[in-house]
Amino acid sequence: MIGFVVSSIIRRKHPVGFLRIDKSDPDGPYLFLELKKSVNEIIAQRTILLEVKREDFIPHK
């Protein structure tokens, strides 16, 4: 049991960046990918973890 816990902590995925969602444009939501690591580090991975940011950059009047 202890080995399972230690193994799961070591293998835990860490976010490699952000998926930013901007819904302020009337044309629809736009998605932006903001990476913390270089593309060369990410391209070798099969799966990645992203954090989601909801930010509107065009102010509503």
PDB file of N, CA and C in Angstrom:
ATOM      1  N   MET A   1       0.812  -1.195   0.000  1.00  0.00           N
ATOM      2  CA  MET A   1       0.000   0.000   0.000  1.00  0.00           C
ATOM      3  C   MET A   1       0.855   1.258   0.000  1.00  0.00           C
ATOM      4  N   ILE A   2       1.908   1.257   0.782  1.00  0.00           N
ATOM      5  CA  ILE A   2       2.797   2.416   0.848  1.00  0.00           C
ATOM      6  C   ILE A   2       3.478   2.633  -0.503  1.00  0.00           C
ATOM      7  N   GLY A   3       3.868   1.557  -1.154  1.00  0.00           N
ATOM      8  CA  GLY A   3       4.490   1.648  -2.472  1.00  0.00           C
ATOM      9  C   GLY A   3       3.552   2.248  -3.498  1.00  0.00           C
ATOM     10  N   PHE A   4       2.278   1.902  -3.416  1.00  0.00           N
ATOM     11  CA  PHE A   4       1.286   2.456  -4.339  1.00  0.00           C
ATOM     12  C   PHE A   4       1.151   3.966  -4.150  1.00  0.00           C
ATOM     13  N   VAL A   5       1.110   4.412  -2.905  1.00  0.00           N
ATOM     14  CA  VAL A   5       0.975   5.838  -2.610  1.00  0.00           C
ATOM     15  C   VAL A   5       2.209   6.604  -3.096  1.00  0.00           C
ATOM     16  N   VAL A   6       3.383   6.095  -2.810  1.00  0.00           N
ATOM     17  CA  VAL A   6       4.617   6.756  -3.238  1.00  0.00           C
ATOM     18  C   VAL A   6       4.691   6.795  -4.758  1.00  0.00           C
ATOM     19  N   SER A   7       4.341   5.692  -5.404  1.00  0.00           N
ATOM     20  CA  SER A   7       4.360   5.634  -6.862  1.00  0.00           C
ATOM     21  C   SER A   7       3.388   6.620  -7.486  1.00  0.00           C
ATOM     22  N   SER A   8       2.198   6.754  -6.917  1.00  0.00           N
ATOM     23  CA  SER A   8       1.207   7.678  -7.477  1.00  0.00           C
ATOM     24  C   SER A   8       1.640   9.129  -7.291  1.00  0.00           C
ATOM     25  N   ILE A   9       2.330   9.437  -6.212  1.00  0.00           N
ATOM     26  CA  ILE A   9       2.833  10.796  -6.006  1.00  0.00           C
ATOM     27  C   ILE A   9       3.934  11.118  -7.004  1.00  0.00           C
ATOM     28  N   ILE A  10       4.815  10.186  -7.260  1.00  0.00           N
ATOM     29  CA  ILE A  10       5.926  10.413  -8.190  1.00  0.00           C
ATOM     30  C   ILE A  10       5.416  10.568  -9.618  1.00  0.00           C
ATOM     31  N   ARG A  11       4.430   9.777 -10.009  1.00  0.00           N
ATOM     32  CA  ARG A  11       3.935   9.772 -11.383  1.00  0.00           C
ATOM     33  C   ARG A  11       2.866  10.828 -11.645  1.00  0.00           C
ATOM     34  N   ARG A  12       2.515  11.613 -10.642  1.00  0.00           N
ATOM     35  CA  ARG A  12       1.466  12.622 -10.781  1.00  0.00           C
ATOM     36  C   ARG A  12       1.853  13.645 -11.854  1.00  0.00           C
ATOM     37  N   LYS A  13       0.880  13.984 -12.693  1.00  0.00           N
ATOM     38  CA  LYS A  13       1.104  14.971 -13.742  1.00  0.00           C
ATOM     39  C   LYS A  13       1.028  16.375 -13.159  1.00  0.00           C
ATOM     40  N   HIS A  14       1.893  17.236 -13.637  1.00  0.00           N
ATOM     41  CA  HIS A  14       1.890  18.640 -13.243  1.00  0.00           C
ATOM     42  C   HIS A  14       1.471  19.469 -14.448  1.00  0.00           C
ATOM     43  N   PRO A  15       0.725  20.544 -14.227  1.00  0.00           N
ATOM     44  CA  PRO A  15       0.295  21.367 -15.364  1.00  0.00           C
ATOM     45  C   PRO A  15       1.492  21.927 -16.131  1.00  0.00           C
ATOM     46  N   VAL A  16       1.386  21.892 -17.449  1.00  0.00           N
ATOM     47  CA  VAL A  16       2.458  22.419 -18.296  1.00  0.00           C
ATOM     48  C   VAL A  16       2.090  23.778 -18.872  1.00  0.00           C
ATOM     49  N   GLY A  17       0.907  24.291 -18.511  1.00  0.00           N
ATOM     50  CA  GLY A  17       0.491  25.585 -19.016  1.00  0.00           C
ATOM     51  C   GLY A  17      -0.973  25.846 -18.727  1.00  0.00           C
ATOM     52  N   PHE A  18      -1.507  26.804 -19.486  1.00  0.00           N
ATOM     53  CA  PHE A  18      -2.879  27.238 -19.276  1.00  0.00           C
ATOM     54  C   PHE A  18      -3.665  27.167 -20.578  1.00  0.00           C
ATOM     55  N   LEU A  19      -4.928  26.840 -20.471  1.00  0.00           N
ATOM     56  CA  LEU A  19      -5.879  26.996 -21.558  1.00  0.00           C
ATOM     57  C   LEU A  19      -6.734  28.193 -21.167  1.00  0.00           C
ATOM     58  N   ARG A  20      -6.510  29.335 -21.853  1.00  0.00           N
ATOM     59  CA  ARG A  20      -7.225  30.567 -21.515  1.00  0.00           C
ATOM     60  C   ARG A  20      -8.451  30.694 -22.397  1.00  0.00           C
ATOM     61  N   ILE A  21      -9.593  30.924 -21.787  1.00  0.00           N
ATOM     62  CA  ILE A  21     -10.861  31.057 -22.502  1.00  0.00           C
ATOM     63  C   ILE A  21     -11.309  32.508 -22.404  1.00  0.00           C
ATOM     64  N   ASP A  22     -11.447  33.157 -23.560  1.00  0.00           N
ATOM     65  CA  ASP A  22     -11.881  34.552 -23.629  1.00  0.00           C
ATOM     66  C   ASP A  22     -13.241  34.592 -24.305  1.00  0.00           C
ATOM     67  N   LYS A  23     -14.284  34.889 -23.526  1.00  0.00           N
ATOM     68  CA  LYS A  23     -15.642  34.920 -24.061  1.00  0.00           C
ATOM     69  C   LYS A  23     -16.133  36.345 -24.285  1.00  0.00           C
ATOM     70  N   SER A  24     -15.246  37.336 -24.283  1.00  0.00           N
ATOM     71  CA  SER A  24     -15.666  38.724 -24.388  1.00  0.00           C
ATOM     72  C   SER A  24     -15.980  39.154 -25.820  1.00  0.00           C
ATOM     73  N   ASP A  25     -15.495  38.436 -26.810  1.00  0.00           N
ATOM     74  CA  ASP A  25     -15.747  38.788 -28.206  1.00  0.00           C
ATOM     75  C   ASP A  25     -17.128  38.291 -28.629  1.00  0.00           C
ATOM     76  N   PRO A  26     -17.932  39.131 -29.297  1.00  0.00           N
ATOM     77  CA  PRO A  26     -19.269  38.697 -29.712  1.00  0.00           C
ATOM     78  C   PRO A  26     -19.249  37.594 -30.773  1.00  0.00           C
ATOM     79  N   ASP A  27     -18.120  37.387 -31.450  1.00  0.00           N
ATOM     80  CA  ASP A  27     -18.017  36.319 -32.456  1.00  0.00           C
ATOM     81  C   ASP A  27     -17.984  34.935 -31.822  1.00  0.00           C
ATOM     82  N   GLY A  28     -17.785  34.866 -30.551  1.00  0.00           N
ATOM     83  CA  GLY A  28     -17.745  33.573 -29.871  1.00  0.00           C
ATOM     84  C   GLY A  28     -16.525  33.464 -28.988  1.00  0.00           C
ATOM     85  N   PRO A  29     -16.420  32.402 -28.222  1.00  0.00           N
ATOM     86  CA  PRO A  29     -15.261  32.249 -27.341  1.00  0.00           C
ATOM     87  C   PRO A  29     -13.997  31.914 -28.136  1.00  0.00           C
ATOM     88  N   TYR A  30     -12.885  32.436 -27.657  1.00  0.00           N
ATOM     89  CA  TYR A  30     -11.585  32.138 -28.239  1.00  0.00           C
ATOM     90  C   TYR A  30     -10.758  31.394 -27.204  1.00  0.00           C
ATOM     91  N   LEU A  31      -9.976  30.431 -27.654  1.00  0.00           N
ATOM     92  CA  LEU A  31      -9.110  29.643 -26.783  1.00  0.00           C
ATOM     93  C   LEU A  31      -7.653  29.976 -27.089  1.00  0.00           C
ATOM     94  N   PHE A  32      -6.863  30.156 -26.049  1.00  0.00           N
ATOM     95  CA  PHE A  32      -5.436  30.439 -26.187  1.00  0.00           C
ATOM     96  C   PHE A  32      -4.667  29.429 -25.352  1.00  0.00           C
ATOM     97  N   LEU A  33      -3.588  28.932 -25.895  1.00  0.00           N
ATOM     98  CA  LEU A  33      -2.726  27.992 -25.192  1.00  0.00           C
ATOM     99  C   LEU A  33      -1.483  28.735 -24.733  1.00  0.00           C
ATOM    100  N   GLU A  34      -1.257  28.775 -23.421  1.00  0.00           N
ATOM    101  CA  GLU A  34      -0.095  29.431 -22.837  1.00  0.00           C
ATOM    102  C   GLU A  34       0.739  28.368 -22.134  1.00  0.00           C
ATOM    103  N   LEU A  35       1.936  28.115 -22.637  1.00  0.00           N
ATOM    104  CA  LEU A  35       2.781  27.047 -22.111  1.00  0.00           C
ATOM    105  C   LEU A  35       3.837  27.587 -21.166  1.00  0.00           C
ATOM    106  N   LYS A  36       4.097  26.838 -20.095  1.00  0.00           N
ATOM    107  CA  LYS A  36       5.169  27.154 -19.153  1.00  0.00           C
ATOM    108  C   LYS A  36       6.487  26.527 -19.614  1.00  0.00           C
ATOM    109  N   LYS A  37       6.381  25.410 -20.340  1.00  0.00           N
ATOM    110  CA  LYS A  37       7.548  24.683 -20.819  1.00  0.00           C
ATOM    111  C   LYS A  37       7.692  24.885 -22.323  1.00  0.00           C
ATOM    112  N   SER A  38       8.835  24.507 -22.859  1.00  0.00           N
ATOM    113  CA  SER A  38       9.032  24.630 -24.301  1.00  0.00           C
ATOM    114  C   SER A  38       8.269  23.521 -25.034  1.00  0.00           C
ATOM    115  N   VAL A  39       7.989  23.763 -26.278  1.00  0.00           N
ATOM    116  CA  VAL A  39       7.260  22.791 -27.093  1.00  0.00           C
ATOM    117  C   VAL A  39       8.064  21.493 -27.211  1.00  0.00           C
ATOM    118  N   ASN A  40       9.378  21.586 -27.269  1.00  0.00           N
ATOM    119  CA  ASN A  40      10.221  20.390 -27.392  1.00  0.00           C
ATOM    120  C   ASN A  40      10.086  19.465 -26.180  1.00  0.00           C
ATOM    121  N   GLU A  41       9.838  20.011 -25.011  1.00  0.00           N
ATOM    122  CA  GLU A  41       9.643  19.187 -23.816  1.00  0.00           C
ATOM    123  C   GLU A  41       8.266  18.523 -23.820  1.00  0.00           C
ATOM    124  N   ILE A  42       7.276  19.187 -24.380  1.00  0.00           N
ATOM    125  CA  ILE A  42       5.900  18.698 -24.360  1.00  0.00           C
ATOM    126  C   ILE A  42       5.629  17.705 -25.482  1.00  0.00           C
ATOM    127  N   ILE A  43       6.279  17.868 -26.614  1.00  0.00           N
ATOM    128  CA  ILE A  43       5.966  17.061 -27.796  1.00  0.00           C
ATOM    129  C   ILE A  43       6.234  15.570 -27.572  1.00  0.00           C
ATOM    130  N   ALA A  44       7.123  15.236 -26.670  1.00  0.00           N
ATOM    131  CA  ALA A  44       7.449  13.832 -26.421  1.00  0.00           C
ATOM    132  C   ALA A  44       6.432  13.149 -25.495  1.00  0.00           C
ATOM    133  N   GLN A  45       5.576  13.929 -24.854  1.00  0.00           N
ATOM    134  CA  GLN A  45       4.618  13.360 -23.907  1.00  0.00           C
ATOM    135  C   GLN A  45       3.344  12.940 -24.628  1.00  0.00           C
ATOM    136  N   ARG A  46       2.749  11.890 -24.134  1.00  0.00           N
ATOM    137  CA  ARG A  46       1.503  11.399 -24.730  1.00  0.00           C
ATOM    138  C   ARG A  46       0.288  12.174 -24.216  1.00  0.00           C
ATOM    139  N   THR A  47       0.294  12.519 -22.941  1.00  0.00           N
ATOM    140  CA  THR A  47      -0.774  13.320 -22.354  1.00  0.00           C
ATOM    141  C   THR A  47      -0.158  14.454 -21.537  1.00  0.00           C
ATOM    142  N   ILE A  48      -0.901  15.557 -21.433  1.00  0.00           N
ATOM    143  CA  ILE A  48      -0.462  16.681 -20.623  1.00  0.00           C
ATOM    144  C   ILE A  48      -1.635  17.178 -19.789  1.00  0.00           C
ATOM    145  N   LEU A  49      -1.335  17.994 -18.799  1.00  0.00           N
ATOM    146  CA  LEU A  49      -2.348  18.572 -17.936  1.00  0.00           C
ATOM    147  C   LEU A  49      -2.269  20.087 -18.072  1.00  0.00           C
ATOM    148  N   LEU A  50      -3.426  20.731 -18.299  1.00  0.00           N
ATOM    149  CA  LEU A  50      -3.508  22.183 -18.424  1.00  0.00           C
ATOM    150  C   LEU A  50      -4.440  22.738 -17.359  1.00  0.00           C
ATOM    151  N   GLU A  51      -4.136  23.936 -16.881  1.00  0.00           N
ATOM    152  CA  GLU A  51      -5.050  24.658 -16.002  1.00  0.00           C
ATOM    153  C   GLU A  51      -5.922  25.548 -16.878  1.00  0.00           C
ATOM    154  N   VAL A  52      -7.166  25.756 -16.480  1.00  0.00           N
ATOM    155  CA  VAL A  52      -8.095  26.580 -17.250  1.00  0.00           C
ATOM    156  C   VAL A  52      -8.202  27.956 -16.604  1.00  0.00           C
ATOM    157  N   LYS A  53      -8.025  28.999 -17.440  1.00  0.00           N
ATOM    158  CA  LYS A  53      -8.220  30.383 -17.005  1.00  0.00           C
ATOM    159  C   LYS A  53      -9.371  30.963 -17.792  1.00  0.00           C
ATOM    160  N   ARG A  54     -10.310  31.568 -17.105  1.00  0.00           N
ATOM    161  CA  ARG A  54     -11.408  32.266 -17.773  1.00  0.00           C
ATOM    162  C   ARG A  54     -11.171  33.753 -17.608  1.00  0.00           C
ATOM    163  N   GLU A  55     -10.688  34.401 -18.680  1.00  0.00           N
ATOM    164  CA  GLU A  55     -10.383  35.821 -18.626  1.00  0.00           C
ATOM    165  C   GLU A  55     -10.989  36.498 -19.842  1.00  0.00           C
ATOM    166  N   ASP A  56     -11.712  37.580 -19.612  1.00  0.00           N
ATOM    167  CA  ASP A  56     -12.260  38.371 -20.696  1.00  0.00           C
ATOM    168  C   ASP A  56     -11.403  39.635 -20.837  1.00  0.00           C
ATOM    169  N   PHE A  57     -10.885  39.867 -22.050  1.00  0.00           N
ATOM    170  CA  PHE A  57      -9.984  40.992 -22.256  1.00  0.00           C
ATOM    171  C   PHE A  57     -10.670  42.194 -22.896  1.00  0.00           C
ATOM    172  N   ILE A  58     -11.821  41.997 -23.504  1.00  0.00           N
ATOM    173  CA  ILE A  58     -12.565  43.123 -24.055  1.00  0.00           C
ATOM    174  C   ILE A  58     -13.633  43.500 -23.031  1.00  0.00           C
ATOM    175  N   PRO A  59     -13.566  44.710 -22.468  1.00  0.00           N
ATOM    176  CA  PRO A  59     -14.568  45.073 -21.450  1.00  0.00           C
ATOM    177  C   PRO A  59     -15.950  45.244 -22.056  1.00  0.00           C
ATOM    178  N   HIS A  60     -16.967  44.803 -21.322  1.00  0.00           N
ATOM    179  CA  HIS A  60     -18.351  44.952 -21.767  1.00  0.00           C
ATOM    180  C   HIS A  60     -18.858  46.329 -21.349  1.00  0.00           C
ATOM    181  N   LYS A  61     -19.592  46.979 -22.251  1.00  0.00           N
ATOM    182  CA  LYS A  61     -20.113  48.323 -21.938  1.00  0.00           C
ATOM    183  C   LYS A  61     -21.595  48.280 -21.717  1.00  0.00           C
TER     184      LYS A  61
END
